[in-house]
Amino acid sequence: MHRRRFILVLASAPLAAKLACKPSGRGKRRNKSDTGPLGQRATDCRVASRQRGKALNPRQWRTYRAACERIIPADRDPGATDADVISFLDEQLSRPPIAAFLPLFAAGDRWLNLTAMRRFRRPFFSLPPQQQDAMLSELLQTRLGDQSGARLFDTLLGLTLEGFFGDPIYGGNRDERGWQMLKHLPRIPRPACPRWARG
């Protein structure tokens, strides 16, 4: 099974189950004038795209942007970079409880880049996709101090999926690209705009 097909099945199964359990006729389809519980339209409650991190330093930002793109790569549909998953990831890592994983992400960044420089004389984010995939697979078998690379990858996988398919008000799923891939039309009321995202 190709990676994108796997991701699509993984993401759509819980969504389909949730929609199947919704009583018929109770959900309203949203339009651009719909507002959430606090009165913000989805387009008014959107984390601005950025090129530098709040929690991640510049190298970590580029490392995990590349890693997220290998989890959901662009093909005929947008990938993680197109959906600005890295902004979601960085925002989550800047706030509890996810901020507790920041040391693990820092250790993973060091391992990926030191190993890439030793083997290829290039940082991880500059490697071709096949080499990045091989290193991410190796990360699963690697110890990062007192924690495992597998735990880092599992956490990264979960946050990448959330950032790609979650509500755009949390910083990812730029322009609802993840929803478009699933042909998902959200219903209202939408979630309340997070306090940190209110302009």
Protein backbone atom coordinates (compact mmCIF):
# COMPACT_ATOMS: atom_id res chain seq x y z
CA MET A 1 0.00 0.00 0.00
CA HIS A 2 1.39 3.39 -0.96
CA ARG A 3 2.08 5.83 1.87
CA ARG A 4 -0.61 8.32 0.82
CA ARG A 5 -3.23 5.56 0.48
CA PHE A 6 -2.32 4.35 3.97
CA ILE A 7 -2.58 7.87 5.40
CA LEU A 8 -5.93 8.41 3.72
CA VAL A 9 -7.36 5.18 5.15
CA LEU A 10 -5.86 5.94 8.57
CA ALA A 11 -7.38 9.40 8.68
CA SER A 12 -10.76 8.68 7.11
CA ALA A 13 -11.72 5.63 9.20
CA PRO A 14 -12.32 7.47 12.51
CA LEU A 15 -13.88 10.37 10.62
CA ALA A 16 -16.32 8.06 8.83
CA ALA A 17 -17.21 6.36 12.10
CA LYS A 18 -17.87 9.72 13.73
CA LEU A 19 -20.07 10.90 10.89
CA ALA A 20 -21.95 7.59 10.83
CA CYS A 21 -22.90 8.08 14.47
CA LYS A 22 -24.23 11.60 13.90
CA PRO A 23 -28.06 11.76 13.96
CA SER A 24 -29.37 12.58 10.51
CA GLY A 25 -30.51 16.10 9.85
CA ARG A 26 -28.91 17.64 12.91
CA GLY A 27 -25.67 18.83 11.38
CA LYS A 28 -25.71 22.05 9.41
CA ARG A 29 -23.38 22.50 6.51
CA ARG A 30 -21.21 25.50 7.00
CA ASN A 31 -20.61 28.35 4.64
CA LYS A 32 -18.18 31.22 4.76
CA SER A 33 -20.55 33.35 6.82
CA ASP A 34 -20.90 30.76 9.59
CA THR A 35 -19.48 31.72 12.95
CA GLY A 36 -18.35 29.63 15.86
CA PRO A 37 -19.45 29.85 19.50
CA LEU A 38 -17.34 32.95 20.10
CA GLY A 39 -18.39 34.69 16.91
CA GLN A 40 -15.19 34.16 14.89
CA ARG A 41 -15.47 32.88 11.37
CA ALA A 42 -12.96 30.15 10.57
CA THR A 43 -11.26 32.52 8.16
CA ASP A 44 -10.90 35.09 10.96
CA CYS A 45 -9.35 32.61 13.37
CA ARG A 46 -6.29 31.35 11.60
CA VAL A 47 -2.70 31.11 12.79
CA ALA A 48 -0.49 33.06 10.41
CA SER A 49 1.96 31.05 8.36
CA ARG A 50 5.52 31.69 9.45
CA GLN A 51 9.03 30.75 8.46
CA ARG A 52 10.55 30.48 11.94
CA GLY A 53 9.55 28.72 15.09
CA LYS A 54 8.41 29.69 18.56
CA ALA A 55 9.61 26.40 20.09
CA LEU A 56 11.83 25.03 17.32
CA ASN A 57 15.13 26.64 16.38
CA PRO A 58 15.84 27.25 12.65
CA ARG A 59 17.55 23.90 12.06
CA GLN A 60 14.88 21.97 13.97
CA TRP A 61 12.20 23.77 11.97
CA ARG A 62 13.78 22.66 8.66
CA THR A 63 14.45 19.15 9.95
CA TYR A 64 10.89 18.48 11.08
CA ARG A 65 9.33 20.24 8.13
CA ALA A 66 11.22 17.74 5.93
CA ALA A 67 10.27 14.81 8.19
CA CYS A 68 6.57 15.76 8.14
CA GLU A 69 6.72 15.95 4.36
CA ARG A 70 8.05 12.39 4.21
CA ILE A 71 5.10 11.24 6.34
CA ILE A 72 2.57 12.99 4.07
CA PRO A 73 4.40 13.71 0.82
CA ALA A 74 2.96 15.84 -1.95
CA ASP A 75 1.93 14.10 -5.14
CA ARG A 76 -1.29 14.84 -7.02
CA ASP A 77 -2.59 16.08 -3.65
CA PRO A 78 -0.95 18.55 -1.25
CA GLY A 79 1.59 17.30 1.27
CA ALA A 80 2.44 18.29 4.82
CA THR A 81 4.45 21.31 3.67
CA ASP A 82 1.56 22.62 1.58
CA ALA A 83 -0.75 22.32 4.60
CA ASP A 84 1.82 24.10 6.83
CA VAL A 85 1.92 21.20 9.27
CA ILE A 86 5.22 22.52 10.66
CA SER A 87 3.46 25.62 12.05
CA PHE A 88 0.98 23.39 13.87
CA LEU A 89 3.80 21.22 15.21
CA ASP A 90 5.78 24.21 16.43
CA GLU A 91 2.72 25.78 18.07
CA GLN A 92 1.92 22.56 19.92
CA LEU A 93 5.52 22.18 21.10
CA SER A 94 5.40 25.71 22.51
CA ARG A 95 2.51 24.89 24.86
CA PRO A 96 1.83 22.32 27.57
CA PRO A 97 1.33 19.43 27.61
CA ILE A 98 3.06 18.83 24.25
CA ALA A 99 5.95 21.12 25.25
CA ALA A 100 7.16 18.25 27.45
CA PHE A 101 8.24 16.49 24.22
CA LEU A 102 10.53 19.34 23.12
CA PRO A 103 13.72 17.75 24.58
CA LEU A 104 12.89 14.53 22.71
CA PHE A 105 12.44 16.47 19.47
CA ALA A 106 15.74 18.28 20.09
CA ALA A 107 17.51 14.95 20.59
CA GLY A 108 15.98 13.61 17.38
CA ASP A 109 17.10 16.66 15.45
CA ARG A 110 20.67 16.22 16.71
CA TRP A 111 20.75 12.54 15.77
CA LEU A 112 19.26 13.07 12.31
CA ASN A 113 21.62 15.89 11.40
CA LEU A 114 24.81 14.54 12.98
CA THR A 115 24.22 11.19 11.30
CA ALA A 116 23.41 12.82 7.96
CA MET A 117 26.51 15.00 8.11
CA ARG A 118 28.72 12.03 8.99
CA ARG A 119 27.36 9.84 6.20
CA PHE A 120 26.48 12.29 3.45
CA ARG A 121 28.10 15.59 4.47
CA ARG A 122 24.72 17.24 4.22
CA PRO A 123 22.06 18.07 6.83
CA PHE A 124 19.01 15.85 7.00
CA PHE A 125 16.68 18.38 5.39
CA SER A 126 18.93 18.62 2.32
CA LEU A 127 18.95 14.89 1.62
CA PRO A 128 16.91 13.35 -1.22
CA PRO A 129 13.64 11.71 -0.15
CA GLN A 130 14.95 8.13 -0.33
CA GLN A 131 17.77 8.89 2.10
CA GLN A 132 15.43 10.77 4.42
CA ASP A 133 13.08 7.77 4.44
CA ALA A 134 15.95 5.42 5.25
CA MET A 135 17.08 7.60 8.16
CA LEU A 136 13.56 7.90 9.57
CA SER A 137 13.28 4.11 9.42
CA GLU A 138 16.58 3.79 11.25
CA LEU A 139 15.39 6.30 13.83
CA LEU A 140 12.79 3.76 14.92
CA GLN A 141 15.60 1.47 16.13
CA THR A 142 17.71 4.23 17.72
CA ARG A 143 18.12 5.25 21.34
CA LEU A 144 18.01 8.98 22.04
CA GLY A 145 19.51 9.14 25.49
CA ASP A 146 17.03 7.58 27.89
CA GLN A 147 14.22 7.62 25.33
CA SER A 148 13.63 5.82 22.05
CA GLY A 149 13.53 7.05 18.50
CA ALA A 150 10.33 5.03 18.11
CA ARG A 151 8.60 7.22 20.69
CA LEU A 152 9.74 10.32 18.85
CA PHE A 153 8.49 8.99 15.53
CA ASP A 154 5.13 7.93 16.99
CA THR A 155 4.68 11.40 18.47
CA LEU A 156 5.72 13.07 15.23
CA LEU A 157 3.35 10.85 13.25
CA GLY A 158 0.40 11.70 15.48
CA LEU A 159 1.09 15.44 15.41
CA THR A 160 1.60 15.38 11.64
CA LEU A 161 -1.79 13.75 11.13
CA GLU A 162 -3.42 16.23 13.52
CA GLY A 163 -1.75 19.13 11.75
CA PHE A 164 -2.82 17.92 8.32
CA PHE A 165 -6.40 16.85 9.06
CA GLY A 166 -7.35 18.91 12.13
CA ASP A 167 -9.31 22.15 12.19
CA PRO A 168 -7.27 25.01 10.66
CA ILE A 169 -7.89 27.19 13.71
CA TYR A 170 -5.12 25.22 15.46
CA GLY A 171 -2.46 26.27 12.96
CA GLY A 172 -2.28 23.46 10.40
CA ASN A 173 -4.46 22.19 7.54
CA ARG A 174 -3.71 25.41 5.68
CA ASP A 175 -6.61 26.38 3.40
CA GLU A 176 -8.38 23.17 4.52
CA ARG A 177 -6.18 21.11 2.19
CA GLY A 178 -6.33 18.00 4.35
CA TRP A 179 -10.13 18.19 4.40
CA GLN A 180 -10.23 18.68 0.64
CA MET A 181 -8.21 15.50 0.18
CA LEU A 182 -10.82 13.60 2.23
CA LYS A 183 -13.67 15.51 0.60
CA HIS A 184 -14.69 16.43 4.13
CA LEU A 185 -17.07 19.36 4.64
CA PRO A 186 -17.09 20.45 8.29
CA ARG A 187 -20.33 21.21 10.05
CA ILE A 188 -21.14 23.95 12.50
CA PRO A 189 -20.72 25.02 15.16
CA ARG A 190 -16.98 24.95 14.62
CA PRO A 191 -14.66 24.72 17.65
CA ALA A 192 -14.06 27.92 19.56
CA CYS A 193 -11.03 29.88 18.45
CA PRO A 194 -8.13 29.12 20.84
CA ARG A 195 -7.26 32.06 23.05
CA TRP A 196 -3.69 32.18 21.75
CA ALA A 197 -4.96 32.48 18.14
CA ARG A 198 -7.36 35.36 18.71
CA GLY A 199 -6.28 38.51 17.00
